[in-house]
Amino acid sequence: MKAEETILRLKEAFPDIGDDLKSPSPLRVFTPFLEPKRFEEVLIYAKDKLNYYRGLHIVGTDEGENLGFTYLVSNADGVILAIREIVPKSNPHIRSMSDIYPAMLMHERELVDLFGAEIEGLPEGPSYPLPDGWPKGQYPMRKEWNPKYFNKMTMTYEPPEEKATDTATAANDNKDNAAKTAADEKSTAGGGASK
């Protein structure tokens, strides 16, 4: 099945996403970002009805307030269908698709380690790809995570103090500078520099 036919069949089955399907090249089809329930419906349809039987890869992206997960699947004609899911960072809960595409298992583990995805139905197994001892709650592929604050020796994430503290420190520094400037102006106004 070629890309054009894939788009036609997806438009028939899912008219709500039909206008947002894209094919930037003859062997590529992209869905828009879909909510988890719709994502699952499209993925299952692609496998069962369109014969996209091969799970290739999953790409995670930080979309600001949301996380995006793009599942790449292909068919016998070499067409790659990118089915995209989006969830809020505050509740990054998705369902494992490794029962449908077993090759996606390790890629889903990457989503857990690197982005903090909470994947329902993901079989128990080792952490991947981060090492044992990696600090809980630290997701290095999220935009707010800064590698310069990660201490490799202690395996801890040590960001600077909160901005509220930095603001208070800056206010105190400004006060001190203003007092010094006032004192300098007073000594200058009094007839010159002191020895």
C-alpha atoms as a PDB file:
ATOM      1  CA  MET A   1       0.000   0.000   0.000  1.00  0.00           C
ATOM      2  CA  LYS A   2       1.445   3.331  -1.091  1.00  0.00           C
ATOM      3  CA  ALA A   3       1.316   6.593   0.866  1.00  0.00           C
ATOM      4  CA  GLU A   4      -1.597   8.024  -1.160  1.00  0.00           C
ATOM      5  CA  GLU A   5      -3.781   4.993  -0.484  1.00  0.00           C
ATOM      6  CA  THR A   6      -2.801   5.034   3.192  1.00  0.00           C
ATOM      7  CA  ILE A   7      -3.997   8.631   3.456  1.00  0.00           C
ATOM      8  CA  LEU A   8      -7.273   7.856   1.654  1.00  0.00           C
ATOM      9  CA  ARG A   9      -8.009   4.889   3.906  1.00  0.00           C
ATOM     10  CA  LEU A  10      -7.149   6.828   7.073  1.00  0.00           C
ATOM     11  CA  LYS A  11      -9.387   9.724   5.930  1.00  0.00           C
ATOM     12  CA  GLU A  12     -12.273   7.305   5.415  1.00  0.00           C
ATOM     13  CA  ALA A  13     -11.823   5.651   8.803  1.00  0.00           C
ATOM     14  CA  PHE A  14     -10.949   8.822  10.769  1.00  0.00           C
ATOM     15  CA  PRO A  15     -12.512  11.865   9.055  1.00  0.00           C
ATOM     16  CA  ASP A  16     -11.639  14.109  12.024  1.00  0.00           C
ATOM     17  CA  ILE A  17      -7.896  13.814  11.294  1.00  0.00           C
ATOM     18  CA  GLY A  18      -8.094  13.473   7.505  1.00  0.00           C
ATOM     19  CA  ASP A  19      -7.259  17.092   6.667  1.00  0.00           C
ATOM     20  CA  ASP A  20      -4.218  17.025   8.954  1.00  0.00           C
ATOM     21  CA  LEU A  21      -2.528  13.966   7.438  1.00  0.00           C
ATOM     22  CA  LYS A  22       0.727  14.856   5.664  1.00  0.00           C
ATOM     23  CA  SER A  23       2.919  13.080   3.141  1.00  0.00           C
ATOM     24  CA  PRO A  24       6.140  15.080   2.713  1.00  0.00           C
ATOM     25  CA  SER A  25       7.600  12.385   0.430  1.00  0.00           C
ATOM     26  CA  PRO A  26       6.309   9.335  -1.461  1.00  0.00           C
ATOM     27  CA  LEU A  27       7.229   6.902   1.325  1.00  0.00           C
ATOM     28  CA  ARG A  28       6.207   8.944   4.394  1.00  0.00           C
ATOM     29  CA  VAL A  29       2.855   9.680   6.060  1.00  0.00           C
ATOM     30  CA  PHE A  30       2.425  11.696   9.269  1.00  0.00           C
ATOM     31  CA  THR A  31      -0.645  12.006  11.449  1.00  0.00           C
ATOM     32  CA  PRO A  32      -1.218  15.110  13.549  1.00  0.00           C
ATOM     33  CA  PHE A  33      -0.662  14.795  17.296  1.00  0.00           C
ATOM     34  CA  LEU A  34      -3.525  12.694  18.670  1.00  0.00           C
ATOM     35  CA  GLU A  35      -4.978  12.234  22.132  1.00  0.00           C
ATOM     36  CA  PRO A  36      -4.128   8.781  23.601  1.00  0.00           C
ATOM     37  CA  LYS A  37      -7.488   7.108  22.858  1.00  0.00           C
ATOM     38  CA  ARG A  38      -7.531   8.255  19.226  1.00  0.00           C
ATOM     39  CA  PHE A  39      -3.830   7.423  18.844  1.00  0.00           C
ATOM     40  CA  GLU A  40      -4.479   3.840  19.933  1.00  0.00           C
ATOM     41  CA  GLU A  41      -7.421   3.488  17.530  1.00  0.00           C
ATOM     42  CA  VAL A  42      -5.335   4.739  14.583  1.00  0.00           C
ATOM     43  CA  LEU A  43      -2.357   2.528  15.468  1.00  0.00           C
ATOM     44  CA  ILE A  44      -4.498  -0.610  15.738  1.00  0.00           C
ATOM     45  CA  TYR A  45      -6.297   0.252  12.477  1.00  0.00           C
ATOM     46  CA  ALA A  46      -2.953   0.753  10.708  1.00  0.00           C
ATOM     47  CA  LYS A  47      -1.768  -2.675  11.835  1.00  0.00           C
ATOM     48  CA  ASP A  48      -4.982  -4.664  11.364  1.00  0.00           C
ATOM     49  CA  LYS A  49      -6.538  -2.988   8.309  1.00  0.00           C
ATOM     50  CA  LEU A  50      -3.675  -1.326   6.452  1.00  0.00           C
ATOM     51  CA  ASN A  51      -1.021  -3.986   7.120  1.00  0.00           C
ATOM     52  CA  TYR A  52       1.526  -1.707   8.776  1.00  0.00           C
ATOM     53  CA  TYR A  53       2.938  -4.763  10.468  1.00  0.00           C
ATOM     54  CA  ARG A  54       6.506  -3.676  11.300  1.00  0.00           C
ATOM     55  CA  GLY A  55       7.257  -1.527  14.362  1.00  0.00           C
ATOM     56  CA  LEU A  56      10.406   0.482  13.685  1.00  0.00           C
ATOM     57  CA  HIS A  57      11.046   3.120  16.298  1.00  0.00           C
ATOM     58  CA  ILE A  58       9.548   5.654  18.708  1.00  0.00           C
ATOM     59  CA  VAL A  59      10.643   9.279  18.807  1.00  0.00           C
ATOM     60  CA  GLY A  60       9.967  11.311  21.945  1.00  0.00           C
ATOM     61  CA  THR A  61       9.807  15.106  21.855  1.00  0.00           C
ATOM     62  CA  ASP A  62       9.355  17.840  24.433  1.00  0.00           C
ATOM     63  CA  GLU A  63       6.547  20.059  23.153  1.00  0.00           C
ATOM     64  CA  GLY A  64       6.633  22.673  25.936  1.00  0.00           C
ATOM     65  CA  GLU A  65       3.732  21.862  28.275  1.00  0.00           C
ATOM     66  CA  ASN A  66       3.276  18.496  26.536  1.00  0.00           C
ATOM     67  CA  LEU A  67       5.271  15.439  25.525  1.00  0.00           C
ATOM     68  CA  GLY A  68       4.985  14.013  22.024  1.00  0.00           C
ATOM     69  CA  PHE A  69       5.546  10.365  21.132  1.00  0.00           C
ATOM     70  CA  THR A  70       5.800   9.374  17.473  1.00  0.00           C
ATOM     71  CA  TYR A  71       5.494   5.680  16.670  1.00  0.00           C
ATOM     72  CA  LEU A  72       7.064   4.772  13.329  1.00  0.00           C
ATOM     73  CA  VAL A  73       5.597   1.704  11.613  1.00  0.00           C
ATOM     74  CA  SER A  74       6.016   0.411   8.069  1.00  0.00           C
ATOM     75  CA  ASN A  75       4.424  -1.883   5.517  1.00  0.00           C
ATOM     76  CA  ALA A  76       5.703  -4.234   2.801  1.00  0.00           C
ATOM     77  CA  ASP A  77       5.971  -1.345   0.309  1.00  0.00           C
ATOM     78  CA  GLY A  78       8.431   0.486   2.558  1.00  0.00           C
ATOM     79  CA  VAL A  79       6.009   3.281   3.456  1.00  0.00           C
ATOM     80  CA  ILE A  80       6.672   4.649   6.938  1.00  0.00           C
ATOM     81  CA  LEU A  81       3.623   5.831   8.852  1.00  0.00           C
ATOM     82  CA  ALA A  82       4.374   8.183  11.759  1.00  0.00           C
ATOM     83  CA  ILE A  83       1.496   8.028  14.238  1.00  0.00           C
ATOM     84  CA  ARG A  84       1.849  10.834  16.768  1.00  0.00           C
ATOM     85  CA  GLU A  85       0.520  10.973  20.325  1.00  0.00           C
ATOM     86  CA  ILE A  86       0.529  13.922  22.720  1.00  0.00           C
ATOM     87  CA  VAL A  87       0.051  14.046  26.493  1.00  0.00           C
ATOM     88  CA  PRO A  88       0.547  16.755  29.114  1.00  0.00           C
ATOM     89  CA  LYS A  89       3.873  16.745  30.970  1.00  0.00           C
ATOM     90  CA  SER A  90       1.919  16.969  34.201  1.00  0.00           C
ATOM     91  CA  ASN A  91       0.230  13.618  33.424  1.00  0.00           C
ATOM     92  CA  PRO A  92       2.363  11.762  30.859  1.00  0.00           C
ATOM     93  CA  HIS A  93       0.250   8.589  30.991  1.00  0.00           C
ATOM     94  CA  ILE A  94       0.064   6.364  27.889  1.00  0.00           C
ATOM     95  CA  ARG A  95      -0.630   2.701  27.196  1.00  0.00           C
ATOM     96  CA  SER A  96       2.109   0.345  26.032  1.00  0.00           C
ATOM     97  CA  MET A  97       1.851  -0.698  22.403  1.00  0.00           C
ATOM     98  CA  SER A  98       4.443  -3.455  22.823  1.00  0.00           C
ATOM     99  CA  ASP A  99       1.663  -6.065  22.808  1.00  0.00           C
ATOM    100  CA  ILE A 100       0.807  -4.920  19.261  1.00  0.00           C
ATOM    101  CA  TYR A 101       4.373  -4.194  18.144  1.00  0.00           C
ATOM    102  CA  PRO A 102       6.788  -6.242  20.326  1.00  0.00           C
ATOM    103  CA  ALA A 103       9.799  -4.464  18.792  1.00  0.00           C
ATOM    104  CA  MET A 104       8.664  -1.256  20.532  1.00  0.00           C
ATOM    105  CA  LEU A 105       9.375  -2.609  24.047  1.00  0.00           C
ATOM    106  CA  MET A 106      12.860  -1.128  24.503  1.00  0.00           C
ATOM    107  CA  HIS A 107      11.847   2.109  22.804  1.00  0.00           C
ATOM    108  CA  GLU A 108       9.039   2.511  25.347  1.00  0.00           C
ATOM    109  CA  ARG A 109      11.552   1.951  28.154  1.00  0.00           C
ATOM    110  CA  GLU A 110      13.515   4.862  26.685  1.00  0.00           C
ATOM    111  CA  LEU A 111      10.394   7.058  26.929  1.00  0.00           C
ATOM    112  CA  VAL A 112      10.135   6.183  30.620  1.00  0.00           C
ATOM    113  CA  ASP A 113      13.805   6.901  31.396  1.00  0.00           C
ATOM    114  CA  LEU A 114      14.398   9.910  29.164  1.00  0.00           C
ATOM    115  CA  PHE A 115      11.026  11.719  29.199  1.00  0.00           C
ATOM    116  CA  GLY A 116       9.241  10.446  32.305  1.00  0.00           C
ATOM    117  CA  ALA A 117       6.402   8.732  30.436  1.00  0.00           C
ATOM    118  CA  GLU A 118       4.161   6.572  32.614  1.00  0.00           C
ATOM    119  CA  ILE A 119       3.375   3.565  30.440  1.00  0.00           C
ATOM    120  CA  GLU A 120       0.520   1.325  31.489  1.00  0.00           C
ATOM    121  CA  GLY A 121       1.046  -2.324  30.570  1.00  0.00           C
ATOM    122  CA  LEU A 122       4.791  -2.043  29.983  1.00  0.00           C
ATOM    123  CA  PRO A 123       6.239  -5.378  31.175  1.00  0.00           C
ATOM    124  CA  GLU A 124       8.620  -5.304  34.133  1.00  0.00           C
ATOM    125  CA  GLY A 125      12.242  -5.069  33.133  1.00  0.00           C
ATOM    126  CA  PRO A 126      15.464  -3.157  33.504  1.00  0.00           C
ATOM    127  CA  SER A 127      15.846   0.568  33.240  1.00  0.00           C
ATOM    128  CA  TYR A 128      16.979   1.613  29.766  1.00  0.00           C
ATOM    129  CA  PRO A 129      19.122   3.424  28.638  1.00  0.00           C
ATOM    130  CA  LEU A 130      20.078   5.285  31.821  1.00  0.00           C
ATOM    131  CA  PRO A 131      22.487   3.601  34.269  1.00  0.00           C
ATOM    132  CA  ASP A 132      21.566   2.072  37.610  1.00  0.00           C
ATOM    133  CA  GLY A 133      21.534   4.724  40.296  1.00  0.00           C
ATOM    134  CA  TRP A 134      20.166   7.458  38.033  1.00  0.00           C
ATOM    135  CA  PRO A 135      18.215   9.907  40.236  1.00  0.00           C
ATOM    136  CA  LYS A 136      14.446   9.357  40.297  1.00  0.00           C
ATOM    137  CA  GLY A 137      12.400  12.090  38.658  1.00  0.00           C
ATOM    138  CA  GLN A 138      15.243  13.359  36.447  1.00  0.00           C
ATOM    139  CA  TYR A 139      14.398  13.143  32.746  1.00  0.00           C
ATOM    140  CA  PRO A 140      17.347  14.306  30.621  1.00  0.00           C
ATOM    141  CA  MET A 141      15.412  14.771  27.360  1.00  0.00           C
ATOM    142  CA  ARG A 142      13.001  17.306  28.810  1.00  0.00           C
ATOM    143  CA  LYS A 143      13.864  20.878  27.892  1.00  0.00           C
ATOM    144  CA  GLU A 144      13.977  22.089  31.496  1.00  0.00           C
ATOM    145  CA  TRP A 145      16.675  19.544  32.408  1.00  0.00           C
ATOM    146  CA  ASN A 146      20.154  21.072  32.219  1.00  0.00           C
ATOM    147  CA  PRO A 147      23.155  18.711  31.988  1.00  0.00           C
ATOM    148  CA  LYS A 148      25.526  21.228  33.578  1.00  0.00           C
ATOM    149  CA  TYR A 149      23.769  20.627  36.923  1.00  0.00           C
ATOM    150  CA  PHE A 150      24.244  16.844  36.823  1.00  0.00           C
ATOM    151  CA  ASN A 151      27.099  15.611  39.009  1.00  0.00           C
ATOM    152  CA  LYS A 152      28.456  12.440  37.387  1.00  0.00           C
ATOM    153  CA  MET A 153      30.500  11.527  40.441  1.00  0.00           C
ATOM    154  CA  THR A 154      27.558  11.475  42.869  1.00  0.00           C
ATOM    155  CA  MET A 155      24.800  10.788  40.304  1.00  0.00           C
ATOM    156  CA  THR A 156      22.809  13.759  41.607  1.00  0.00           C
ATOM    157  CA  TYR A 157      21.086  16.664  39.906  1.00  0.00           C
ATOM    158  CA  GLU A 158      22.090  19.918  41.601  1.00  0.00           C
ATOM    159  CA  PRO A 159      20.376  22.928  40.023  1.00  0.00           C
ATOM    160  CA  PRO A 160      20.976  26.379  41.561  1.00  0.00           C
ATOM    161  CA  GLU A 161      18.638  27.766  44.206  1.00  0.00           C
ATOM    162  CA  GLU A 162      15.129  28.742  43.170  1.00  0.00           C
ATOM    163  CA  LYS A 163      14.593  32.067  41.379  1.00  0.00           C
ATOM    164  CA  ALA A 164      12.834  33.551  44.427  1.00  0.00           C
ATOM    165  CA  THR A 165      16.118  33.292  46.335  1.00  0.00           C
ATOM    166  CA  ASP A 166      18.046  34.680  43.367  1.00  0.00           C
ATOM    167  CA  THR A 167      15.602  37.618  43.205  1.00  0.00           C
ATOM    168  CA  ALA A 168      16.042  38.362  46.903  1.00  0.00           C
ATOM    169  CA  THR A 169      19.837  38.234  46.533  1.00  0.00           C
ATOM    170  CA  ALA A 170      19.681  40.571  43.528  1.00  0.00           C
ATOM    171  CA  ALA A 171      17.469  43.008  45.494  1.00  0.00           C
ATOM    172  CA  ASN A 172      19.983  43.043  48.376  1.00  0.00           C
ATOM    173  CA  ASP A 173      22.865  43.573  45.951  1.00  0.00           C
ATOM    174  CA  ASN A 174      20.975  46.482  44.338  1.00  0.00           C
ATOM    175  CA  LYS A 175      20.371  48.030  47.784  1.00  0.00           C
ATOM    176  CA  ASP A 176      24.073  47.724  48.672  1.00  0.00           C
ATOM    177  CA  ASN A 177      25.078  49.258  45.321  1.00  0.00           C
ATOM    178  CA  ALA A 178      22.627  52.150  45.792  1.00  0.00           C
ATOM    179  CA  ALA A 179      24.005  52.859  49.297  1.00  0.00           C
ATOM    180  CA  LYS A 180      27.585  52.781  47.996  1.00  0.00           C
ATOM    181  CA  THR A 181      26.689  55.103  45.095  1.00  0.00           C
ATOM    182  CA  ALA A 182      25.010  57.550  47.506  1.00  0.00           C
ATOM    183  CA  ALA A 183      28.090  57.518  49.778  1.00  0.00           C
ATOM    184  CA  ASP A 184      30.403  58.105  46.809  1.00  0.00           C
ATOM    185  CA  GLU A 185      28.264  61.015  45.615  1.00  0.00           C
ATOM    186  CA  LYS A 186      28.270  62.552  49.115  1.00  0.00           C
ATOM    187  CA  SER A 187      32.068  62.340  49.405  1.00  0.00           C
ATOM    188  CA  THR A 188      32.481  63.800  45.915  1.00  0.00           C
ATOM    189  CA  ALA A 189      30.061  66.633  46.665  1.00  0.00           C
ATOM    190  CA  GLY A 190      32.003  67.419  49.851  1.00  0.00           C
ATOM    191  CA  GLY A 191      35.028  68.754  47.988  1.00  0.00           C
ATOM    192  CA  GLY A 192      36.903  65.954  46.370  1.00  0.00           C
ATOM    193  CA  ALA A 193      38.342  62.586  46.949  1.00  0.00           C
ATOM    194  CA  SER A 194      39.499  61.443  50.346  1.00  0.00           C
ATOM    195  CA  LYS A 195      42.893  59.938  51.007  1.00  0.00           C
END
